[in-house]
């Protein structure tokens, strides 16, 4: 659980940059990539990450501009990445202007369970990490290069003049 706004923002800004880099690597064609017809497409996961920032954090009383939870998946990867960036900026502004450190201890309803707002922030970060992992697998299946997030991606090793570690 986060104890300070600044502590959260240090983590969030890194994770949001990583998520945005993944979104910027998508192509319009790749948005259709799926594991099975019964699962979310790459585009649906990317959009889910984008709209969940507001959907989840509005439960705490934070107010900021974002697409409606039921807004359809945009047709272009650029629109998803651009919307994510705008939502992220609005979210950061809302945190900085509407909350103080004591706000992180206030209780809010998290899908039927009362939790401190600091838990919401942790869950939001974990949610993005979880779905980014799903996206990188689908990106590889779609033939896209995956940017490194917590270190170099497979393709980055050769750019550094090194051999990728054995699997």
N, C-alpha and C. Protein backbone atom coordinates (compact mmCIF):
# COMPACT_ATOMS: atom_id res chain seq x y z
N UNK A 1 0.85 -1.18 0.00
CA UNK A 1 0.00 0.00 0.00
C UNK A 1 0.89 1.24 0.00
N UNK A 2 0.52 2.20 -0.80
CA UNK A 2 1.29 3.44 -0.86
C UNK A 2 0.95 4.33 0.33
N UNK A 3 1.99 4.94 0.90
CA UNK A 3 1.84 5.81 2.07
C UNK A 3 1.89 7.29 1.71
N UNK A 4 2.53 7.61 0.55
CA UNK A 4 2.64 9.01 0.13
C UNK A 4 2.30 9.13 -1.35
N UNK A 5 1.77 10.28 -1.71
CA UNK A 5 1.47 10.58 -3.11
C UNK A 5 2.76 10.53 -3.93
N UNK A 6 3.83 11.13 -3.42
CA UNK A 6 5.09 11.15 -4.16
C UNK A 6 5.65 9.75 -4.36
N UNK A 7 5.53 8.90 -3.37
CA UNK A 7 5.98 7.52 -3.51
C UNK A 7 5.22 6.80 -4.61
N UNK A 8 3.91 7.01 -4.63
CA UNK A 8 3.11 6.41 -5.70
C UNK A 8 3.51 6.97 -7.05
N UNK A 9 3.62 8.29 -7.16
CA UNK A 9 3.91 8.91 -8.45
C UNK A 9 5.26 8.47 -9.01
N UNK A 10 6.23 8.23 -8.15
CA UNK A 10 7.53 7.71 -8.64
C UNK A 10 7.32 6.37 -9.34
N UNK A 11 6.56 5.49 -8.72
CA UNK A 11 6.28 4.18 -9.33
C UNK A 11 5.39 4.32 -10.55
N UNK A 12 4.32 5.08 -10.40
CA UNK A 12 3.34 5.20 -11.48
C UNK A 12 3.95 5.78 -12.75
N UNK A 13 4.73 6.83 -12.61
CA UNK A 13 5.29 7.46 -13.82
C UNK A 13 6.17 6.50 -14.59
N UNK A 14 6.94 5.67 -13.90
CA UNK A 14 7.75 4.66 -14.59
C UNK A 14 6.85 3.64 -15.29
N UNK A 15 5.87 3.14 -14.58
CA UNK A 15 4.98 2.12 -15.15
C UNK A 15 4.15 2.69 -16.29
N UNK A 16 3.68 3.92 -16.15
CA UNK A 16 2.88 4.53 -17.22
C UNK A 16 3.73 4.76 -18.47
N UNK A 17 4.97 5.18 -18.30
CA UNK A 17 5.87 5.32 -19.46
C UNK A 17 6.06 3.98 -20.16
N UNK A 18 6.25 2.93 -19.37
CA UNK A 18 6.42 1.59 -19.95
C UNK A 18 5.16 1.16 -20.69
N UNK A 19 4.01 1.38 -20.11
CA UNK A 19 2.76 1.02 -20.76
C UNK A 19 2.59 1.82 -22.04
N UNK A 20 2.89 3.11 -22.00
CA UNK A 20 2.73 3.94 -23.19
C UNK A 20 3.67 3.48 -24.31
N UNK A 21 4.89 3.06 -23.96
CA UNK A 21 5.82 2.54 -24.97
C UNK A 21 5.26 1.29 -25.63
N UNK A 22 4.65 0.43 -24.84
CA UNK A 22 4.02 -0.77 -25.40
C UNK A 22 2.89 -0.36 -26.35
N UNK A 23 2.05 0.56 -25.91
CA UNK A 23 0.92 0.99 -26.74
C UNK A 23 1.40 1.64 -28.04
N UNK A 24 2.47 2.41 -27.97
CA UNK A 24 3.01 3.05 -29.16
C UNK A 24 3.61 2.05 -30.14
N UNK A 25 3.90 0.85 -29.69
CA UNK A 25 4.47 -0.18 -30.55
C UNK A 25 3.41 -0.97 -31.31
N UNK A 26 2.16 -0.76 -30.97
CA UNK A 26 1.08 -1.48 -31.65
C UNK A 26 0.84 -0.90 -33.04
N UNK A 27 0.31 -1.74 -33.91
CA UNK A 27 -0.13 -1.30 -35.23
C UNK A 27 -1.63 -1.50 -35.31
N UNK A 28 -2.25 -0.84 -36.27
CA UNK A 28 -3.69 -1.02 -36.42
C UNK A 28 -4.04 -2.48 -36.67
N UNK A 29 -3.27 -3.15 -37.50
CA UNK A 29 -3.52 -4.56 -37.80
C UNK A 29 -3.36 -5.44 -36.55
N UNK A 30 -2.39 -5.12 -35.71
CA UNK A 30 -2.12 -5.94 -34.52
C UNK A 30 -3.25 -5.90 -33.51
N UNK A 31 -4.09 -4.87 -33.56
CA UNK A 31 -5.18 -4.75 -32.60
C UNK A 31 -6.12 -5.95 -32.66
N UNK A 32 -6.15 -6.64 -33.79
CA UNK A 32 -7.04 -7.79 -33.98
C UNK A 32 -6.45 -9.10 -33.46
N UNK A 33 -5.18 -9.09 -33.07
CA UNK A 33 -4.51 -10.32 -32.62
C UNK A 33 -5.24 -10.89 -31.40
N UNK A 34 -5.51 -12.18 -31.45
CA UNK A 34 -6.21 -12.83 -30.34
C UNK A 34 -5.56 -14.18 -30.03
N UNK A 35 -5.77 -14.63 -28.81
CA UNK A 35 -5.34 -15.96 -28.43
C UNK A 35 -6.38 -16.95 -28.95
N UNK A 36 -7.62 -16.69 -28.61
CA UNK A 36 -8.74 -17.48 -29.12
C UNK A 36 -9.90 -16.51 -29.37
N UNK A 37 -10.91 -16.95 -30.12
CA UNK A 37 -12.07 -16.08 -30.35
C UNK A 37 -12.83 -15.74 -29.06
N UNK A 38 -12.59 -16.50 -27.99
CA UNK A 38 -13.29 -16.26 -26.72
C UNK A 38 -12.55 -15.31 -25.79
N UNK A 39 -11.36 -14.85 -26.19
CA UNK A 39 -10.55 -13.99 -25.33
C UNK A 39 -10.45 -12.59 -25.92
N UNK A 40 -9.99 -11.67 -25.10
CA UNK A 40 -9.80 -10.29 -25.56
C UNK A 40 -8.73 -10.24 -26.65
N UNK A 41 -8.95 -9.36 -27.61
CA UNK A 41 -7.93 -9.10 -28.61
C UNK A 41 -6.87 -8.18 -28.00
N UNK A 42 -5.77 -8.03 -28.69
CA UNK A 42 -4.72 -7.11 -28.26
C UNK A 42 -5.29 -5.69 -28.13
N UNK A 43 -6.10 -5.29 -29.08
CA UNK A 43 -6.72 -3.96 -29.02
C UNK A 43 -7.64 -3.80 -27.83
N UNK A 44 -8.41 -4.84 -27.53
CA UNK A 44 -9.33 -4.78 -26.38
C UNK A 44 -8.55 -4.69 -25.08
N UNK A 45 -7.44 -5.41 -24.96
CA UNK A 45 -6.62 -5.33 -23.74
C UNK A 45 -6.02 -3.93 -23.62
N UNK A 46 -5.50 -3.40 -24.72
CA UNK A 46 -4.90 -2.06 -24.69
C UNK A 46 -5.94 -1.02 -24.26
N UNK A 47 -7.14 -1.14 -24.79
CA UNK A 47 -8.21 -0.20 -24.44
C UNK A 47 -8.66 -0.41 -22.98
N UNK A 48 -8.72 -1.65 -22.56
CA UNK A 48 -9.09 -1.98 -21.18
C UNK A 48 -8.13 -1.30 -20.20
N UNK A 49 -6.84 -1.39 -20.47
CA UNK A 49 -5.85 -0.72 -19.61
C UNK A 49 -6.13 0.78 -19.55
N UNK A 50 -6.45 1.35 -20.70
CA UNK A 50 -6.66 2.79 -20.80
C UNK A 50 -7.89 3.23 -20.01
N UNK A 51 -9.01 2.56 -20.21
CA UNK A 51 -10.24 3.03 -19.56
C UNK A 51 -10.34 2.63 -18.09
N UNK A 52 -9.59 1.61 -17.68
CA UNK A 52 -9.66 1.17 -16.29
C UNK A 52 -9.04 2.18 -15.32
N UNK A 53 -8.13 3.01 -15.79
CA UNK A 53 -7.56 4.03 -14.90
C UNK A 53 -8.69 4.85 -14.29
N UNK A 54 -9.58 5.34 -15.12
CA UNK A 54 -10.69 6.15 -14.61
C UNK A 54 -11.74 5.29 -13.92
N UNK A 55 -12.08 4.17 -14.53
CA UNK A 55 -13.11 3.30 -13.95
C UNK A 55 -12.76 2.93 -12.52
N UNK A 56 -11.52 2.51 -12.29
CA UNK A 56 -11.11 2.10 -10.96
C UNK A 56 -10.97 3.30 -10.02
N UNK A 57 -10.28 4.32 -10.47
CA UNK A 57 -9.98 5.42 -9.57
C UNK A 57 -11.18 6.33 -9.29
N UNK A 58 -12.19 6.32 -10.15
CA UNK A 58 -13.39 7.10 -9.86
C UNK A 58 -14.13 6.53 -8.65
N UNK A 59 -13.88 5.28 -8.32
CA UNK A 59 -14.48 4.66 -7.14
C UNK A 59 -13.99 5.31 -5.84
N UNK A 60 -12.85 5.99 -5.92
CA UNK A 60 -12.29 6.67 -4.75
C UNK A 60 -12.76 8.11 -4.64
N UNK A 61 -13.52 8.56 -5.63
CA UNK A 61 -13.97 9.95 -5.64
C UNK A 61 -13.09 10.87 -6.48
N UNK A 62 -11.98 10.36 -7.02
CA UNK A 62 -11.15 11.20 -7.91
C UNK A 62 -11.96 11.56 -9.15
N UNK A 63 -11.82 12.81 -9.58
CA UNK A 63 -12.53 13.27 -10.76
C UNK A 63 -11.52 13.74 -11.80
N UNK A 64 -11.62 13.16 -13.01
CA UNK A 64 -10.79 13.58 -14.13
C UNK A 64 -11.42 13.08 -15.42
N UNK A 65 -11.04 13.72 -16.51
CA UNK A 65 -11.58 13.39 -17.83
C UNK A 65 -11.01 12.08 -18.36
N UNK A 66 -11.90 11.25 -18.88
CA UNK A 66 -11.51 9.98 -19.48
C UNK A 66 -12.71 9.43 -20.24
N UNK A 67 -12.47 8.54 -21.20
CA UNK A 67 -13.60 7.92 -21.90
C UNK A 67 -14.47 7.11 -20.94
N UNK A 68 -15.72 6.99 -21.30
CA UNK A 68 -16.66 6.17 -20.56
C UNK A 68 -16.18 4.72 -20.52
N UNK A 69 -16.49 4.04 -19.43
CA UNK A 69 -16.08 2.65 -19.25
C UNK A 69 -16.53 1.74 -20.39
N UNK A 70 -17.61 2.10 -21.05
CA UNK A 70 -18.17 1.26 -22.09
C UNK A 70 -17.89 1.79 -23.49
N UNK A 71 -16.97 2.74 -23.58
CA UNK A 71 -16.62 3.29 -24.90
C UNK A 71 -16.03 2.19 -25.76
N UNK A 72 -16.39 2.17 -27.04
CA UNK A 72 -15.87 1.11 -27.91
C UNK A 72 -14.37 1.25 -28.14
N UNK A 73 -13.74 0.13 -28.46
CA UNK A 73 -12.31 0.13 -28.76
C UNK A 73 -12.09 0.96 -30.02
N UNK A 74 -11.17 1.94 -29.96
CA UNK A 74 -10.88 2.72 -31.16
C UNK A 74 -10.34 1.83 -32.28
N UNK A 75 -10.47 2.32 -33.50
CA UNK A 75 -10.04 1.56 -34.67
C UNK A 75 -8.54 1.65 -34.91
N UNK A 76 -7.88 2.63 -34.28
CA UNK A 76 -6.45 2.80 -34.55
C UNK A 76 -5.62 2.69 -33.26
N UNK A 77 -4.43 2.14 -33.44
CA UNK A 77 -3.50 2.02 -32.32
C UNK A 77 -3.10 3.41 -31.82
N UNK A 78 -2.93 4.35 -32.73
CA UNK A 78 -2.54 5.71 -32.34
C UNK A 78 -3.57 6.33 -31.41
N UNK A 79 -4.85 6.14 -31.72
CA UNK A 79 -5.90 6.71 -30.87
C UNK A 79 -5.86 6.11 -29.46
N UNK A 80 -5.60 4.81 -29.37
CA UNK A 80 -5.49 4.19 -28.05
C UNK A 80 -4.31 4.78 -27.28
N UNK A 81 -3.13 4.84 -27.93
CA UNK A 81 -1.94 5.38 -27.26
C UNK A 81 -2.13 6.84 -26.88
N UNK A 82 -2.71 7.64 -27.76
CA UNK A 82 -2.94 9.05 -27.47
C UNK A 82 -3.93 9.23 -26.32
N UNK A 83 -4.98 8.41 -26.31
CA UNK A 83 -5.97 8.49 -25.24
C UNK A 83 -5.36 8.07 -23.92
N UNK A 84 -4.56 7.01 -23.93
CA UNK A 84 -3.88 6.58 -22.71
C UNK A 84 -3.05 7.74 -22.14
N UNK A 85 -2.30 8.41 -22.99
CA UNK A 85 -1.45 9.52 -22.54
C UNK A 85 -2.29 10.63 -21.90
N UNK A 86 -3.41 10.99 -22.52
CA UNK A 86 -4.28 12.04 -21.99
C UNK A 86 -4.91 11.62 -20.65
N UNK A 87 -5.37 10.38 -20.59
CA UNK A 87 -5.99 9.88 -19.35
C UNK A 87 -4.94 9.87 -18.23
N UNK A 88 -3.75 9.40 -18.56
CA UNK A 88 -2.67 9.36 -17.58
C UNK A 88 -2.35 10.76 -17.05
N UNK A 89 -2.24 11.74 -17.93
CA UNK A 89 -1.95 13.11 -17.51
C UNK A 89 -3.06 13.66 -16.62
N UNK A 90 -4.32 13.40 -17.00
CA UNK A 90 -5.45 13.86 -16.19
C UNK A 90 -5.47 13.17 -14.83
N UNK A 91 -5.14 11.90 -14.80
CA UNK A 91 -5.09 11.14 -13.55
C UNK A 91 -4.01 11.71 -12.62
N UNK A 92 -2.82 11.94 -13.14
CA UNK A 92 -1.73 12.49 -12.33
C UNK A 92 -2.14 13.85 -11.77
N UNK A 93 -2.73 14.68 -12.61
CA UNK A 93 -3.19 16.01 -12.16
C UNK A 93 -4.22 15.87 -11.04
N UNK A 94 -5.15 14.92 -11.19
CA UNK A 94 -6.18 14.71 -10.18
C UNK A 94 -5.57 14.28 -8.85
N UNK A 95 -4.64 13.34 -8.91
CA UNK A 95 -3.98 12.87 -7.68
C UNK A 95 -3.28 14.04 -6.97
N UNK A 96 -2.56 14.83 -7.75
CA UNK A 96 -1.78 15.93 -7.17
C UNK A 96 -2.64 17.06 -6.63
N UNK A 97 -3.82 17.27 -7.19
CA UNK A 97 -4.65 18.40 -6.76
C UNK A 97 -5.80 18.02 -5.85
N UNK A 98 -6.25 16.77 -5.89
CA UNK A 98 -7.42 16.39 -5.12
C UNK A 98 -7.09 15.59 -3.86
N UNK A 99 -5.90 15.03 -3.80
CA UNK A 99 -5.53 14.20 -2.66
C UNK A 99 -4.31 14.76 -1.96
N UNK A 100 -4.21 14.41 -0.69
CA UNK A 100 -3.01 14.61 0.10
C UNK A 100 -2.62 13.24 0.65
N UNK A 101 -1.48 13.15 1.30
CA UNK A 101 -1.05 11.85 1.82
C UNK A 101 -2.11 11.19 2.71
N UNK A 102 -2.80 11.93 3.59
CA UNK A 102 -3.84 11.27 4.39
C UNK A 102 -4.98 10.67 3.56
N UNK A 103 -5.19 11.17 2.33
CA UNK A 103 -6.23 10.61 1.47
C UNK A 103 -5.98 9.14 1.15
N UNK A 104 -4.73 8.72 1.22
CA UNK A 104 -4.38 7.34 0.88
C UNK A 104 -4.91 6.36 1.92
N UNK A 105 -5.20 6.85 3.11
CA UNK A 105 -5.74 5.98 4.17
C UNK A 105 -7.26 5.95 4.18
N UNK A 106 -7.89 6.86 3.43
CA UNK A 106 -9.36 6.88 3.38
C UNK A 106 -9.87 5.61 2.70
N UNK A 107 -10.98 5.13 3.16
CA UNK A 107 -11.55 3.88 2.65
C UNK A 107 -12.50 4.17 1.49
N UNK A 108 -12.45 3.32 0.49
CA UNK A 108 -13.34 3.40 -0.66
C UNK A 108 -13.78 1.99 -1.03
N UNK A 109 -14.87 1.91 -1.79
CA UNK A 109 -15.41 0.62 -2.19
C UNK A 109 -14.66 0.08 -3.41
N UNK A 110 -13.97 -1.05 -3.22
CA UNK A 110 -13.28 -1.70 -4.32
C UNK A 110 -14.07 -2.96 -4.68
N UNK A 111 -15.06 -2.76 -5.55
CA UNK A 111 -15.84 -3.87 -6.05
C UNK A 111 -16.46 -4.70 -4.92
N UNK A 112 -17.07 -4.01 -3.95
CA UNK A 112 -17.76 -4.68 -2.86
C UNK A 112 -16.95 -4.87 -1.60
N UNK A 113 -15.71 -4.42 -1.59
CA UNK A 113 -14.83 -4.57 -0.44
C UNK A 113 -14.23 -3.21 -0.10
N UNK A 114 -14.31 -2.79 1.14
CA UNK A 114 -13.74 -1.51 1.56
C UNK A 114 -12.22 -1.63 1.68
N UNK A 115 -11.51 -0.76 0.98
CA UNK A 115 -10.04 -0.76 0.99
C UNK A 115 -9.53 0.67 1.07
N UNK A 116 -8.35 0.88 1.66
CA UNK A 116 -7.75 2.21 1.65
C UNK A 116 -7.39 2.62 0.22
N UNK A 117 -7.48 3.91 -0.06
CA UNK A 117 -7.15 4.41 -1.39
C UNK A 117 -5.73 4.02 -1.81
N UNK A 118 -4.81 3.91 -0.86
CA UNK A 118 -3.45 3.49 -1.18
C UNK A 118 -3.39 2.10 -1.77
N UNK A 119 -4.36 1.24 -1.41
CA UNK A 119 -4.45 -0.10 -2.00
C UNK A 119 -4.93 0.01 -3.45
N UNK A 120 -5.89 0.91 -3.70
CA UNK A 120 -6.37 1.13 -5.06
C UNK A 120 -5.19 1.45 -5.99
N UNK A 121 -4.29 2.28 -5.51
CA UNK A 121 -3.14 2.68 -6.33
C UNK A 121 -2.23 1.49 -6.63
N UNK A 122 -2.01 0.66 -5.64
CA UNK A 122 -1.19 -0.54 -5.84
C UNK A 122 -1.87 -1.49 -6.83
N UNK A 123 -3.17 -1.69 -6.67
CA UNK A 123 -3.92 -2.58 -7.56
C UNK A 123 -3.90 -2.03 -8.99
N UNK A 124 -4.00 -0.72 -9.14
CA UNK A 124 -3.97 -0.12 -10.47
C UNK A 124 -2.64 -0.41 -11.17
N UNK A 125 -1.54 -0.26 -10.46
CA UNK A 125 -0.22 -0.56 -11.04
C UNK A 125 -0.14 -2.05 -11.38
N UNK A 126 -0.52 -2.91 -10.46
CA UNK A 126 -0.47 -4.35 -10.72
C UNK A 126 -1.34 -4.74 -11.90
N UNK A 127 -2.48 -4.09 -12.02
CA UNK A 127 -3.40 -4.35 -13.14
C UNK A 127 -2.71 -4.06 -14.47
N UNK A 128 -2.01 -2.93 -14.54
CA UNK A 128 -1.32 -2.59 -15.79
C UNK A 128 -0.20 -3.57 -16.09
N UNK A 129 0.56 -3.92 -15.08
CA UNK A 129 1.66 -4.87 -15.28
C UNK A 129 1.11 -6.20 -15.79
N UNK A 130 0.05 -6.67 -15.17
CA UNK A 130 -0.58 -7.94 -15.57
C UNK A 130 -0.96 -7.91 -17.06
N UNK A 131 -1.68 -6.88 -17.46
CA UNK A 131 -2.14 -6.82 -18.85
C UNK A 131 -1.03 -6.49 -19.83
N UNK A 132 -0.01 -5.77 -19.41
CA UNK A 132 1.15 -5.54 -20.29
C UNK A 132 1.81 -6.87 -20.64
N UNK A 133 1.90 -7.76 -19.66
CA UNK A 133 2.47 -9.08 -19.92
C UNK A 133 1.66 -9.83 -20.96
N UNK A 134 0.35 -9.79 -20.85
CA UNK A 134 -0.50 -10.43 -21.85
C UNK A 134 -0.26 -9.81 -23.23
N UNK A 135 -0.15 -8.49 -23.24
CA UNK A 135 0.02 -7.78 -24.50
C UNK A 135 1.34 -8.16 -25.18
N UNK A 136 2.40 -8.32 -24.41
CA UNK A 136 3.69 -8.62 -25.05
C UNK A 136 3.65 -9.98 -25.75
N UNK A 137 2.94 -10.94 -25.18
CA UNK A 137 2.81 -12.24 -25.84
C UNK A 137 2.03 -12.08 -27.15
N UNK A 138 0.92 -11.37 -27.10
CA UNK A 138 0.13 -11.15 -28.32
C UNK A 138 0.90 -10.33 -29.34
N UNK A 139 1.71 -9.39 -28.88
CA UNK A 139 2.53 -8.60 -29.80
C UNK A 139 3.51 -9.49 -30.55
N UNK A 140 4.15 -10.39 -29.85
CA UNK A 140 5.08 -11.33 -30.50
C UNK A 140 4.32 -12.20 -31.51
N UNK A 141 3.14 -12.66 -31.14
CA UNK A 141 2.35 -13.48 -32.07
C UNK A 141 1.96 -12.67 -33.31
N UNK A 142 1.80 -11.36 -33.14
CA UNK A 142 1.44 -10.49 -34.27
C UNK A 142 2.66 -10.06 -35.07
N UNK A 143 3.85 -10.50 -34.66
CA UNK A 143 5.07 -10.17 -35.38
C UNK A 143 5.65 -8.80 -35.05
N UNK A 144 5.23 -8.22 -33.93
CA UNK A 144 5.74 -6.91 -33.53
C UNK A 144 6.97 -7.05 -32.66
N UNK A 145 7.80 -6.04 -32.68
CA UNK A 145 8.93 -5.98 -31.75
C UNK A 145 8.42 -5.44 -30.43
N UNK A 146 8.80 -6.08 -29.36
CA UNK A 146 8.38 -5.68 -28.02
C UNK A 146 9.45 -4.81 -27.40
N UNK A 147 9.09 -3.62 -26.95
CA UNK A 147 10.11 -2.80 -26.29
C UNK A 147 10.47 -3.36 -24.91
N UNK A 148 11.70 -3.19 -24.51
CA UNK A 148 12.10 -3.60 -23.17
C UNK A 148 11.38 -2.78 -22.13
N UNK A 149 11.02 -3.41 -21.04
CA UNK A 149 10.33 -2.71 -19.94
C UNK A 149 11.20 -2.73 -18.69
N UNK A 150 11.55 -3.91 -18.22
CA UNK A 150 12.39 -4.04 -17.02
C UNK A 150 13.78 -4.50 -17.39
N UNK A 151 14.21 -4.13 -18.54
CA UNK A 151 15.49 -4.53 -19.08
C UNK A 151 15.33 -4.74 -20.57
N UNK A 152 16.39 -5.13 -21.25
CA UNK A 152 16.31 -5.26 -22.71
C UNK A 152 15.38 -6.39 -23.14
N UNK A 153 14.65 -6.14 -24.22
CA UNK A 153 13.88 -7.19 -24.87
C UNK A 153 14.85 -8.00 -25.73
N UNK A 154 14.40 -9.15 -26.18
CA UNK A 154 15.25 -10.04 -26.98
C UNK A 154 15.96 -9.29 -28.11
N UNK A 155 15.23 -8.45 -28.83
CA UNK A 155 15.80 -7.74 -29.97
C UNK A 155 16.81 -6.68 -29.56
N UNK A 156 16.73 -6.20 -28.34
CA UNK A 156 17.62 -5.14 -27.87
C UNK A 156 19.05 -5.62 -27.65
N UNK A 157 19.22 -6.91 -27.35
CA UNK A 157 20.55 -7.43 -27.04
C UNK A 157 21.51 -7.23 -28.21
N UNK A 158 21.06 -7.57 -29.43
CA UNK A 158 21.95 -7.43 -30.59
C UNK A 158 22.27 -5.97 -30.86
N UNK A 159 21.34 -5.06 -30.60
CA UNK A 159 21.60 -3.63 -30.78
C UNK A 159 22.70 -3.15 -29.84
N UNK A 160 22.85 -3.85 -28.73
CA UNK A 160 23.89 -3.49 -27.75
C UNK A 160 25.18 -4.25 -28.02
N UNK A 161 25.20 -5.00 -29.14
CA UNK A 161 26.40 -5.76 -29.47
C UNK A 161 26.59 -6.99 -28.59
N UNK A 162 25.50 -7.50 -28.05
CA UNK A 162 25.57 -8.63 -27.15
C UNK A 162 24.65 -9.75 -27.65
N UNK A 163 24.91 -10.93 -27.17
CA UNK A 163 24.07 -12.07 -27.50
C UNK A 163 22.99 -12.20 -26.42
N UNK A 164 21.76 -12.45 -26.85
CA UNK A 164 20.67 -12.62 -25.89
C UNK A 164 20.95 -13.82 -25.01
N UNK A 165 20.60 -13.73 -23.74
CA UNK A 165 20.80 -14.87 -22.84
C UNK A 165 20.04 -16.10 -23.33
N UNK A 166 20.59 -17.26 -23.08
CA UNK A 166 19.92 -18.51 -23.46
C UNK A 166 18.63 -18.65 -22.67
N UNK A 167 17.68 -19.24 -23.30
CA UNK A 167 16.37 -19.42 -22.65
C UNK A 167 16.42 -20.57 -21.70
